[in-house]
Amino acid sequence: MKKVISVSLICLLMTGLLSACGNSLTADRDTVYVQKKGKVICAAISEFDKEYYDAEELRKYIEERVQAYQEEHGKKSVGIEEFTVEDKVAKLYMKYEDCESYQDFNEVTLFSGTVPQALAAGFNFNTEFTEIKDGKAAGSIENTTVMDSDCKVVILSEKIDVKVDGTVQYISSDYTTIKSKDTVAIEVPQEAKDGSEMTLVYIVYK
């Protein structure tokens, strides 16, 4: 499992920040924002404080990586919103045409659609769920209740914050913490850090 845009940033960006153009969104670590029409915005921020770090070399590498992907998948598939290095901090803002482009470019899982669409795509929702009320955890709930809903769902497997265009109703209980009505934090357990693959996280919202 690879970190968001870790290919592009060569392991330099180990934490993330998103402040998407045209959207009132801020975060203190890696964040992916799944928008209403399926487009995805994400960004990362990291300390850039080593003498051997070269901002222009990194910029060139990112641009070449994106250009190579665009040549195969189209200009709209992925793009660089902004890349800056200021005060020993590097920030990279990326946009993706859809979830498929995001997961292909970053080699991770990211699904967005309705619960029925997710079931049809083979996601089984076989996990424990927590109900969310007014942006707070409100106890466990049967996964059958979640599966019977027609809500939207984002499914992924990364240590990242996830923002959705809606109000979170349910989240799978493992790895997750509700931060606000529209944002969920995903933490990687120690066993996953040690090399085991992290299981899928489900974020269900209206």
C-alpha atoms as a PDB file:
ATOM      1  CA  MET A   1       0.000   0.000   0.000  1.00  0.00           C
ATOM      2  CA  LYS A   2       1.456   3.361  -1.029  1.00  0.00           C
ATOM      3  CA  LYS A   3       0.888   6.740   0.534  1.00  0.00           C
ATOM      4  CA  VAL A   4      -0.999   9.446  -1.343  1.00  0.00           C
ATOM      5  CA  ILE A   5       1.270  10.752  -4.126  1.00  0.00           C
ATOM      6  CA  SER A   6       4.243   9.062  -2.488  1.00  0.00           C
ATOM      7  CA  VAL A   7       5.445   8.075  -5.943  1.00  0.00           C
ATOM      8  CA  SER A   8       5.548  11.724  -6.893  1.00  0.00           C
ATOM      9  CA  LEU A   9       7.173  12.894  -3.704  1.00  0.00           C
ATOM     10  CA  ILE A  10       9.662  10.055  -3.277  1.00  0.00           C
ATOM     11  CA  CYS A  11       8.749   9.466   0.365  1.00  0.00           C
ATOM     12  CA  LEU A  12       9.406  13.120   1.302  1.00  0.00           C
ATOM     13  CA  LEU A  13       5.781  13.904   2.086  1.00  0.00           C
ATOM     14  CA  MET A  14       4.916  11.924   5.177  1.00  0.00           C
ATOM     15  CA  THR A  15       2.022  14.063   6.422  1.00  0.00           C
ATOM     16  CA  GLY A  16      -0.651  15.979   4.539  1.00  0.00           C
ATOM     17  CA  LEU A  17      -2.616  19.187   4.182  1.00  0.00           C
ATOM     18  CA  LEU A  18      -5.427  20.132   1.852  1.00  0.00           C
ATOM     19  CA  SER A  19      -6.764  23.574   1.125  1.00  0.00           C
ATOM     20  CA  ALA A  20      -8.443  23.070  -2.217  1.00  0.00           C
ATOM     21  CA  CYS A  21      -8.820  25.946  -4.629  1.00  0.00           C
ATOM     22  CA  GLY A  22     -12.370  27.251  -4.503  1.00  0.00           C
ATOM     23  CA  ASN A  23     -13.278  25.163  -1.454  1.00  0.00           C
ATOM     24  CA  SER A  24     -13.237  26.150   2.213  1.00  0.00           C
ATOM     25  CA  LEU A  25     -11.183  23.166   3.320  1.00  0.00           C
ATOM     26  CA  THR A  26      -8.230  22.955   5.658  1.00  0.00           C
ATOM     27  CA  ALA A  27      -6.550  20.014   7.375  1.00  0.00           C
ATOM     28  CA  ASP A  28      -3.517  19.181   9.431  1.00  0.00           C
ATOM     29  CA  ARG A  29      -2.494  15.990   7.630  1.00  0.00           C
ATOM     30  CA  ASP A  30      -3.008  14.063   4.387  1.00  0.00           C
ATOM     31  CA  THR A  31      -6.545  14.634   3.179  1.00  0.00           C
ATOM     32  CA  VAL A  32      -8.547  13.441   0.232  1.00  0.00           C
ATOM     33  CA  TYR A  33     -11.700  15.337  -0.721  1.00  0.00           C
ATOM     34  CA  VAL A  34     -14.267  13.392  -2.748  1.00  0.00           C
ATOM     35  CA  GLN A  35     -16.540  15.926  -4.413  1.00  0.00           C
ATOM     36  CA  LYS A  36     -20.175  15.632  -5.470  1.00  0.00           C
ATOM     37  CA  LYS A  37     -19.488  14.933  -9.140  1.00  0.00           C
ATOM     38  CA  GLY A  38     -16.832  12.345  -8.398  1.00  0.00           C
ATOM     39  CA  LYS A  39     -13.781  14.530  -8.806  1.00  0.00           C
ATOM     40  CA  VAL A  40     -11.054  14.156  -6.217  1.00  0.00           C
ATOM     41  CA  ILE A  41      -8.759  16.774  -4.722  1.00  0.00           C
ATOM     42  CA  CYS A  42      -5.856  15.986  -2.450  1.00  0.00           C
ATOM     43  CA  ALA A  43      -2.607  17.494  -1.273  1.00  0.00           C
ATOM     44  CA  ALA A  44       0.333  16.768   0.956  1.00  0.00           C
ATOM     45  CA  ILE A  45       2.670  18.817   3.060  1.00  0.00           C
ATOM     46  CA  SER A  46       5.991  17.871   4.584  1.00  0.00           C
ATOM     47  CA  GLU A  47       9.051  19.311   6.167  1.00  0.00           C
ATOM     48  CA  PHE A  48      11.612  20.136   3.509  1.00  0.00           C
ATOM     49  CA  ASP A  49      14.522  20.938   5.771  1.00  0.00           C
ATOM     50  CA  LYS A  50      17.472  18.868   4.571  1.00  0.00           C
ATOM     51  CA  GLU A  51      20.336  20.612   2.796  1.00  0.00           C
ATOM     52  CA  TYR A  52      20.369  17.988   0.038  1.00  0.00           C
ATOM     53  CA  TYR A  53      16.676  18.514  -0.805  1.00  0.00           C
ATOM     54  CA  ASP A  54      16.319  20.246  -4.170  1.00  0.00           C
ATOM     55  CA  ALA A  55      12.933  21.911  -4.758  1.00  0.00           C
ATOM     56  CA  GLU A  56      13.415  22.340  -8.521  1.00  0.00           C
ATOM     57  CA  GLU A  57      14.529  18.759  -8.944  1.00  0.00           C
ATOM     58  CA  LEU A  58      11.463  17.575  -7.044  1.00  0.00           C
ATOM     59  CA  ARG A  59       9.197  19.870  -9.071  1.00  0.00           C
ATOM     60  CA  LYS A  60      10.614  18.483 -12.305  1.00  0.00           C
ATOM     61  CA  TYR A  61      10.112  14.914 -11.148  1.00  0.00           C
ATOM     62  CA  ILE A  62       6.485  15.576 -10.199  1.00  0.00           C
ATOM     63  CA  GLU A  63       5.752  17.271 -13.523  1.00  0.00           C
ATOM     64  CA  GLU A  64       7.329  14.416 -15.477  1.00  0.00           C
ATOM     65  CA  ARG A  65       5.367  11.828 -13.491  1.00  0.00           C
ATOM     66  CA  VAL A  66       2.078  13.655 -14.108  1.00  0.00           C
ATOM     67  CA  GLN A  67       2.847  14.254 -17.782  1.00  0.00           C
ATOM     68  CA  ALA A  68       3.606  10.580 -18.332  1.00  0.00           C
ATOM     69  CA  TYR A  69       0.294   9.626 -16.764  1.00  0.00           C
ATOM     70  CA  GLN A  70      -1.587  12.226 -18.805  1.00  0.00           C
ATOM     71  CA  GLU A  71      -0.095  10.936 -22.040  1.00  0.00           C
ATOM     72  CA  GLU A  72      -1.584   7.526 -21.322  1.00  0.00           C
ATOM     73  CA  HIS A  73      -4.872   8.532 -19.683  1.00  0.00           C
ATOM     74  CA  GLY A  74      -5.661  12.032 -20.941  1.00  0.00           C
ATOM     75  CA  LYS A  75      -4.970  15.591 -19.847  1.00  0.00           C
ATOM     76  CA  LYS A  76      -7.921  15.697 -17.442  1.00  0.00           C
ATOM     77  CA  SER A  77      -7.014  12.505 -15.588  1.00  0.00           C
ATOM     78  CA  VAL A  78      -4.630  14.143 -13.135  1.00  0.00           C
ATOM     79  CA  GLY A  79      -3.149  17.588 -12.687  1.00  0.00           C
ATOM     80  CA  ILE A  80      -1.014  19.686 -10.393  1.00  0.00           C
ATOM     81  CA  GLU A  81      -2.936  22.490  -8.727  1.00  0.00           C
ATOM     82  CA  GLU A  82       0.073  23.934  -6.936  1.00  0.00           C
ATOM     83  CA  PHE A  83       3.518  22.982  -5.718  1.00  0.00           C
ATOM     84  CA  THR A  84       5.431  25.250  -3.345  1.00  0.00           C
ATOM     85  CA  VAL A  85       8.356  25.088  -0.987  1.00  0.00           C
ATOM     86  CA  GLU A  86       8.349  27.875   1.583  1.00  0.00           C
ATOM     87  CA  ASP A  87       9.840  28.159   5.070  1.00  0.00           C
ATOM     88  CA  LYS A  88      11.230  24.614   4.767  1.00  0.00           C
ATOM     89  CA  VAL A  89       7.783  23.183   4.057  1.00  0.00           C
ATOM     90  CA  ALA A  90       6.768  21.510   0.787  1.00  0.00           C
ATOM     91  CA  LYS A  91       3.124  21.527  -0.313  1.00  0.00           C
ATOM     92  CA  LEU A  92       1.676  19.716  -3.297  1.00  0.00           C
ATOM     93  CA  TYR A  93      -1.935  20.115  -4.397  1.00  0.00           C
ATOM     94  CA  MET A  94      -3.326  17.566  -6.864  1.00  0.00           C
ATOM     95  CA  LYS A  95      -6.637  17.105  -8.677  1.00  0.00           C
ATOM     96  CA  TYR A  96      -8.035  13.967 -10.272  1.00  0.00           C
ATOM     97  CA  GLU A  97     -10.786  13.470 -12.827  1.00  0.00           C
ATOM     98  CA  ASP A  98     -12.359  10.669 -10.780  1.00  0.00           C
ATOM     99  CA  CYS A  99     -11.673   8.042  -8.161  1.00  0.00           C
ATOM    100  CA  GLU A 100     -10.394   5.613 -10.771  1.00  0.00           C
ATOM    101  CA  SER A 101      -7.675   8.067 -11.772  1.00  0.00           C
ATOM    102  CA  TYR A 102      -6.761   8.661  -8.145  1.00  0.00           C
ATOM    103  CA  GLN A 103      -6.436   5.004  -7.240  1.00  0.00           C
ATOM    104  CA  ASP A 104      -4.592   4.146 -10.452  1.00  0.00           C
ATOM    105  CA  PHE A 105      -2.108   6.999 -10.098  1.00  0.00           C
ATOM    106  CA  ASN A 106      -1.460   6.323  -6.404  1.00  0.00           C
ATOM    107  CA  GLU A 107      -1.859   2.519  -6.489  1.00  0.00           C
ATOM    108  CA  VAL A 108      -4.425   2.484  -3.682  1.00  0.00           C
ATOM    109  CA  THR A 109      -8.130   1.673  -3.319  1.00  0.00           C
ATOM    110  CA  LEU A 110     -10.628   4.526  -3.592  1.00  0.00           C
ATOM    111  CA  PHE A 111     -14.277   3.880  -4.434  1.00  0.00           C
ATOM    112  CA  SER A 112     -17.062   6.456  -4.454  1.00  0.00           C
ATOM    113  CA  GLY A 113     -20.703   5.781  -5.252  1.00  0.00           C
ATOM    114  CA  THR A 114     -23.905   4.624  -3.599  1.00  0.00           C
ATOM    115  CA  VAL A 115     -24.102   1.687  -1.222  1.00  0.00           C
ATOM    116  CA  PRO A 116     -25.982  -0.412  -3.833  1.00  0.00           C
ATOM    117  CA  GLN A 117     -23.282   0.416  -6.398  1.00  0.00           C
ATOM    118  CA  ALA A 118     -20.574  -0.598  -3.948  1.00  0.00           C
ATOM    119  CA  LEU A 119     -22.301  -3.918  -3.288  1.00  0.00           C
ATOM    120  CA  ALA A 120     -22.615  -4.510  -7.020  1.00  0.00           C
ATOM    121  CA  ALA A 121     -18.888  -3.775  -7.378  1.00  0.00           C
ATOM    122  CA  GLY A 122     -18.087  -6.544  -4.894  1.00  0.00           C
ATOM    123  CA  PHE A 123     -17.545  -4.661  -1.638  1.00  0.00           C
ATOM    124  CA  ASN A 124     -19.108  -6.752   1.128  1.00  0.00           C
ATOM    125  CA  PHE A 125     -19.367  -4.299   4.090  1.00  0.00           C
ATOM    126  CA  ASN A 126     -18.347  -7.214   6.301  1.00  0.00           C
ATOM    127  CA  THR A 127     -17.115  -5.153   9.239  1.00  0.00           C
ATOM    128  CA  GLU A 128     -18.370  -3.433  12.372  1.00  0.00           C
ATOM    129  CA  PHE A 129     -19.962  -0.012  11.942  1.00  0.00           C
ATOM    130  CA  THR A 130     -20.433   3.034  14.145  1.00  0.00           C
ATOM    131  CA  GLU A 131     -23.421   5.329  13.753  1.00  0.00           C
ATOM    132  CA  ILE A 132     -22.673   9.050  13.565  1.00  0.00           C
ATOM    133  CA  LYS A 133     -25.097  11.664  14.860  1.00  0.00           C
ATOM    134  CA  ASP A 134     -24.409  15.403  14.781  1.00  0.00           C
ATOM    135  CA  GLY A 135     -20.782  14.756  13.923  1.00  0.00           C
ATOM    136  CA  LYS A 136     -20.190  12.420  16.878  1.00  0.00           C
ATOM    137  CA  ALA A 137     -19.992   8.666  17.371  1.00  0.00           C
ATOM    138  CA  ALA A 138     -23.319   7.346  18.679  1.00  0.00           C
ATOM    139  CA  GLY A 139     -22.666   3.634  19.190  1.00  0.00           C
ATOM    140  CA  SER A 140     -22.471   0.524  17.061  1.00  0.00           C
ATOM    141  CA  ILE A 141     -24.962  -0.407  14.361  1.00  0.00           C
ATOM    142  CA  GLU A 142     -25.569  -3.577  12.356  1.00  0.00           C
ATOM    143  CA  ASN A 143     -23.868  -3.676   8.980  1.00  0.00           C
ATOM    144  CA  THR A 144     -27.152  -4.908   7.477  1.00  0.00           C
ATOM    145  CA  THR A 145     -28.691  -1.519   8.292  1.00  0.00           C
ATOM    146  CA  VAL A 146     -25.877   0.157   6.417  1.00  0.00           C
ATOM    147  CA  MET A 147     -26.174  -2.228   3.472  1.00  0.00           C
ATOM    148  CA  ASP A 148     -29.933  -1.624   3.221  1.00  0.00           C
ATOM    149  CA  SER A 149     -29.466   2.126   2.864  1.00  0.00           C
ATOM    150  CA  ASP A 150     -29.219   4.078  -0.373  1.00  0.00           C
ATOM    151  CA  CYS A 151     -26.586   6.454   1.030  1.00  0.00           C
ATOM    152  CA  LYS A 152     -23.351   7.344  -0.677  1.00  0.00           C
ATOM    153  CA  VAL A 153     -20.120   5.683   0.393  1.00  0.00           C
ATOM    154  CA  VAL A 154     -16.389   6.235   0.094  1.00  0.00           C
ATOM    155  CA  ILE A 155     -14.232   3.115   0.481  1.00  0.00           C
ATOM    156  CA  LEU A 156     -10.462   3.260   0.851  1.00  0.00           C
ATOM    157  CA  SER A 157      -7.447   1.898   2.691  1.00  0.00           C
ATOM    158  CA  GLU A 158      -5.065   4.687   3.610  1.00  0.00           C
ATOM    159  CA  LYS A 159      -3.895   6.663   6.612  1.00  0.00           C
ATOM    160  CA  ILE A 160      -5.570   9.887   5.625  1.00  0.00           C
ATOM    161  CA  ASP A 161      -8.374  12.300   6.436  1.00  0.00           C
ATOM    162  CA  VAL A 162     -11.414  11.996   4.190  1.00  0.00           C
ATOM    163  CA  LYS A 163     -13.787  14.872   3.471  1.00  0.00           C
ATOM    164  CA  VAL A 164     -17.094  14.300   1.683  1.00  0.00           C
ATOM    165  CA  ASP A 165     -19.744  16.583   0.228  1.00  0.00           C
ATOM    166  CA  GLY A 166     -22.418  15.581   2.692  1.00  0.00           C
ATOM    167  CA  THR A 167     -23.066  14.475   6.265  1.00  0.00           C
ATOM    168  CA  VAL A 168     -21.460  11.287   7.544  1.00  0.00           C
ATOM    169  CA  GLN A 169     -24.017   8.722   8.746  1.00  0.00           C
ATOM    170  CA  TYR A 170     -21.928   5.605   9.458  1.00  0.00           C
ATOM    171  CA  ILE A 171     -18.242   4.677   9.511  1.00  0.00           C
ATOM    172  CA  SER A 172     -16.590   1.299   9.785  1.00  0.00           C
ATOM    173  CA  SER A 173     -15.320   1.089  13.341  1.00  0.00           C
ATOM    174  CA  ASP A 174     -11.725  -0.001  12.742  1.00  0.00           C
ATOM    175  CA  TYR A 175      -9.086   2.720  12.223  1.00  0.00           C
ATOM    176  CA  THR A 176     -11.582   5.608  12.114  1.00  0.00           C
ATOM    177  CA  THR A 177     -12.320   8.719  14.151  1.00  0.00           C
ATOM    178  CA  ILE A 178     -15.064  11.191  13.273  1.00  0.00           C
ATOM    179  CA  LYS A 179     -13.628  14.726  13.156  1.00  0.00           C
ATOM    180  CA  SER A 180     -16.692  16.667  11.991  1.00  0.00           C
ATOM    181  CA  LYS A 181     -19.977  16.103  10.175  1.00  0.00           C
ATOM    182  CA  ASP A 182     -18.169  15.733   6.852  1.00  0.00           C
ATOM    183  CA  THR A 183     -14.661  14.579   7.780  1.00  0.00           C
ATOM    184  CA  VAL A 184     -13.252  11.284   9.051  1.00  0.00           C
ATOM    185  CA  ALA A 185      -9.692  10.580  10.186  1.00  0.00           C
ATOM    186  CA  ILE A 186      -8.166   7.195   9.400  1.00  0.00           C
ATOM    187  CA  GLU A 187      -5.295   5.950  11.542  1.00  0.00           C
ATOM    188  CA  VAL A 188      -3.075   2.989  10.720  1.00  0.00           C
ATOM    189  CA  PRO A 189      -2.750   0.417  13.536  1.00  0.00           C
ATOM    190  CA  GLN A 190       0.690  -0.742  14.592  1.00  0.00           C
ATOM    191  CA  GLU A 191       0.337  -4.105  12.870  1.00  0.00           C
ATOM    192  CA  ALA A 192      -0.349  -2.342   9.572  1.00  0.00           C
ATOM    193  CA  LYS A 193       2.633  -0.063  10.132  1.00  0.00           C
ATOM    194  CA  ASP A 194       4.729  -3.186  10.575  1.00  0.00           C
ATOM    195  CA  GLY A 195       3.804  -4.400   7.119  1.00  0.00           C
ATOM    196  CA  SER A 196       0.367  -6.016   7.293  1.00  0.00           C
ATOM    197  CA  GLU A 197      -2.129  -4.687   4.798  1.00  0.00           C
ATOM    198  CA  MET A 198      -4.770  -2.391   6.203  1.00  0.00           C
ATOM    199  CA  THR A 199      -8.366  -3.506   5.662  1.00  0.00           C
ATOM    200  CA  LEU A 200     -10.875  -1.346   3.822  1.00  0.00           C
ATOM    201  CA  VAL A 201     -12.547   1.596   5.550  1.00  0.00           C
ATOM    202  CA  TYR A 202     -16.162   2.504   4.754  1.00  0.00           C
ATOM    203  CA  ILE A 203     -17.497   6.051   5.116  1.00  0.00           C
ATOM    204  CA  VAL A 204     -21.241   6.279   4.500  1.00  0.00           C
ATOM    205  CA  TYR A 205     -22.895   9.650   4.101  1.00  0.00           C
ATOM    206  CA  LYS A 206     -25.929  11.533   2.762  1.00  0.00           C
END
